[in-house]
C-alpha atoms as a PDB file:
ATOM      1  CA  MET A   1     -15.666   9.000 -39.365  1.00  0.00           C
ATOM      2  CA  ILE A   2     -12.459   7.213 -38.442  1.00  0.00           C
ATOM      3  CA  LYS A   3     -14.231   3.961 -37.580  1.00  0.00           C
ATOM      4  CA  ARG A   4     -16.185   4.079 -40.832  1.00  0.00           C
ATOM      5  CA  GLU A   5     -13.027   4.774 -42.846  1.00  0.00           C
ATOM      6  CA  ILE A   6     -11.174   1.836 -41.261  1.00  0.00           C
ATOM      7  CA  LYS A   7     -14.141  -0.497 -41.819  1.00  0.00           C
ATOM      8  CA  ASN A   8     -14.459   0.496 -45.465  1.00  0.00           C
ATOM      9  CA  ARG A   9     -10.740   0.239 -46.147  1.00  0.00           C
ATOM     10  CA  TYR A  10     -10.345  -3.346 -44.968  1.00  0.00           C
ATOM     11  CA  LYS A  11     -13.861  -4.658 -45.682  1.00  0.00           C
ATOM     12  CA  GLY A  12     -12.993  -7.079 -48.507  1.00  0.00           C
ATOM     13  CA  SER A  13      -9.512  -8.152 -47.420  1.00  0.00           C
ATOM     14  CA  ALA A  14      -8.708 -11.599 -46.080  1.00  0.00           C
ATOM     15  CA  ILE A  15      -7.240 -10.658 -42.697  1.00  0.00           C
ATOM     16  CA  GLY A  16      -8.769  -7.200 -42.347  1.00  0.00           C
ATOM     17  CA  LEU A  17      -7.238  -4.758 -39.893  1.00  0.00           C
ATOM     18  CA  ILE A  18      -4.160  -6.926 -39.355  1.00  0.00           C
ATOM     19  CA  TRP A  19      -2.935  -5.726 -42.771  1.00  0.00           C
ATOM     20  CA  SER A  20      -2.459  -2.230 -41.359  1.00  0.00           C
ATOM     21  CA  LEU A  21       0.040  -3.635 -38.845  1.00  0.00           C
ATOM     22  CA  LEU A  22       1.543  -6.441 -40.911  1.00  0.00           C
ATOM     23  CA  VAL A  23       2.541  -4.487 -44.021  1.00  0.00           C
ATOM     24  CA  PRO A  24       4.597  -1.792 -42.203  1.00  0.00           C
ATOM     25  CA  LEU A  25       6.293  -4.430 -40.023  1.00  0.00           C
ATOM     26  CA  LEU A  26       7.233  -6.516 -43.064  1.00  0.00           C
ATOM     27  CA  MET A  27       8.519  -3.414 -44.830  1.00  0.00           C
ATOM     28  CA  LEU A  28      10.543  -2.434 -41.763  1.00  0.00           C
ATOM     29  CA  GLY A  29      11.941  -5.956 -41.529  1.00  0.00           C
ATOM     30  CA  ALA A  30      12.975  -5.896 -45.185  1.00  0.00           C
ATOM     31  CA  TYR A  31      14.727  -2.526 -44.830  1.00  0.00           C
ATOM     32  CA  VAL A  32      16.510  -3.574 -41.638  1.00  0.00           C
ATOM     33  CA  PHE A  33      17.625  -6.855 -43.200  1.00  0.00           C
ATOM     34  CA  VAL A  34      18.932  -5.247 -46.384  1.00  0.00           C
ATOM     35  CA  PHE A  35      20.578  -2.164 -44.896  1.00  0.00           C
ATOM     36  CA  GLY A  36      21.343  -3.299 -41.344  1.00  0.00           C
ATOM     37  CA  VAL A  37      22.424  -6.902 -41.979  1.00  0.00           C
ATOM     38  CA  LEU A  38      23.544  -7.180 -45.616  1.00  0.00           C
ATOM     39  CA  PHE A  39      25.085  -3.731 -46.036  1.00  0.00           C
ATOM     40  CA  GLY A  40      26.077  -3.336 -42.380  1.00  0.00           C
ATOM     41  CA  VAL A  41      24.968   0.278 -42.016  1.00  0.00           C
ATOM     42  CA  GLN A  42      25.967   1.805 -38.677  1.00  0.00           C
ATOM     43  CA  LEU A  43      24.797   5.203 -37.526  1.00  0.00           C
ATOM     44  CA  ASP A  44      26.821   5.939 -34.383  1.00  0.00           C
ATOM     45  CA  ASP A  45      28.661   4.009 -31.740  1.00  0.00           C
ATOM     46  CA  ASP A  46      25.469   4.139 -29.621  1.00  0.00           C
ATOM     47  CA  THR A  47      23.379   2.164 -32.111  1.00  0.00           C
ATOM     48  CA  GLU A  48      24.726  -1.337 -32.103  1.00  0.00           C
ATOM     49  CA  GLY A  49      23.854  -3.730 -34.886  1.00  0.00           C
ATOM     50  CA  PRO A  50      20.647  -4.163 -36.806  1.00  0.00           C
ATOM     51  CA  LEU A  51      18.407  -3.599 -33.771  1.00  0.00           C
ATOM     52  CA  GLY A  52      19.667  -0.065 -33.178  1.00  0.00           C
ATOM     53  CA  TYR A  53      19.417   0.697 -36.875  1.00  0.00           C
ATOM     54  CA  GLY A  54      15.900  -0.773 -36.939  1.00  0.00           C
ATOM     55  CA  LEU A  55      14.701   1.448 -34.088  1.00  0.00           C
ATOM     56  CA  TRP A  56      16.184   4.520 -35.730  1.00  0.00           C
ATOM     57  CA  PHE A  57      14.674   3.586 -39.069  1.00  0.00           C
ATOM     58  CA  PHE A  58      11.285   2.845 -37.479  1.00  0.00           C
ATOM     59  CA  THR A  59      10.996   6.386 -36.099  1.00  0.00           C
ATOM     60  CA  GLY A  60      11.715   7.875 -39.506  1.00  0.00           C
ATOM     61  CA  LEU A  61       9.312   5.550 -41.307  1.00  0.00           C
ATOM     62  CA  THR A  62       6.554   6.236 -38.797  1.00  0.00           C
ATOM     63  CA  ALA A  63       6.786   9.979 -39.383  1.00  0.00           C
ATOM     64  CA  PHE A  64       6.892   9.465 -43.148  1.00  0.00           C
ATOM     65  CA  TRP A  65       3.907   7.067 -43.170  1.00  0.00           C
ATOM     66  CA  LEU A  66       1.838   9.425 -41.041  1.00  0.00           C
ATOM     67  CA  PHE A  67       2.564  12.364 -43.338  1.00  0.00           C
ATOM     68  CA  SER A  68       2.082  10.322 -46.512  1.00  0.00           C
ATOM     69  CA  GLU A  69      -1.219   8.795 -45.383  1.00  0.00           C
ATOM     70  CA  SER A  70      -2.610  12.163 -44.271  1.00  0.00           C
ATOM     71  CA  ILE A  71      -1.725  13.816 -47.576  1.00  0.00           C
ATOM     72  CA  SER A  72      -3.140  10.992 -49.685  1.00  0.00           C
ATOM     73  CA  VAL A  73      -6.394  10.491 -47.724  1.00  0.00           C
ATOM     74  CA  ALA A  74      -7.310  14.108 -46.904  1.00  0.00           C
ATOM     75  CA  PRO A  75      -8.641  15.155 -50.341  1.00  0.00           C
ATOM     76  CA  ASP A  76     -10.976  12.153 -50.560  1.00  0.00           C
ATOM     77  CA  LEU A  77     -12.254  12.728 -47.030  1.00  0.00           C
ATOM     78  CA  LEU A  78     -13.015  16.355 -47.807  1.00  0.00           C
ATOM     79  CA  LEU A  79     -14.826  15.468 -51.031  1.00  0.00           C
ATOM     80  CA  ASN A  80     -16.784  12.595 -49.484  1.00  0.00           C
ATOM     81  CA  ASN A  81     -17.858  14.664 -46.460  1.00  0.00           C
ATOM     82  CA  ALA A  82     -18.571  17.948 -48.232  1.00  0.00           C
ATOM     83  CA  VAL A  83     -21.977  18.118 -46.557  1.00  0.00           C
ATOM     84  CA  LEU A  84     -20.332  18.506 -43.171  1.00  0.00           C
ATOM     85  CA  ILE A  85     -18.016  21.231 -44.408  1.00  0.00           C
ATOM     86  CA  LYS A  86     -20.746  23.262 -46.102  1.00  0.00           C
ATOM     87  CA  LYS A  87     -23.072  23.062 -43.131  1.00  0.00           C
ATOM     88  CA  ILE A  88     -23.450  26.539 -41.633  1.00  0.00           C
ATOM     89  CA  ARG A  89     -25.079  27.011 -38.248  1.00  0.00           C
ATOM     90  CA  GLY A  90     -26.122  30.256 -36.676  1.00  0.00           C
ATOM     91  CA  CYS A  91     -24.809  32.430 -39.459  1.00  0.00           C
ATOM     92  CA  PRO A  92     -26.301  35.927 -38.962  1.00  0.00           C
ATOM     93  CA  ARG A  93     -27.359  37.757 -42.075  1.00  0.00           C
END
């Protein structure tokens, strides 16, 4: 089901599966540039400069994207694969 979902998601796009890697990296780069370079956000003395902020930010964004994608895709997957959910095997009467 995962392979089919990935194929269907990027079927008509110009660069296909690369979008799934390119968009989060561009978004991460934009956030790091704005907050790490322009605003000069520093977290602790251990995280030096934009690279440390970028790594910290990347971990938070990864967790958020995973949660967000699971919540937004799960209802459609359940509705589209209802046959698999309703299938009952070996149910004694």
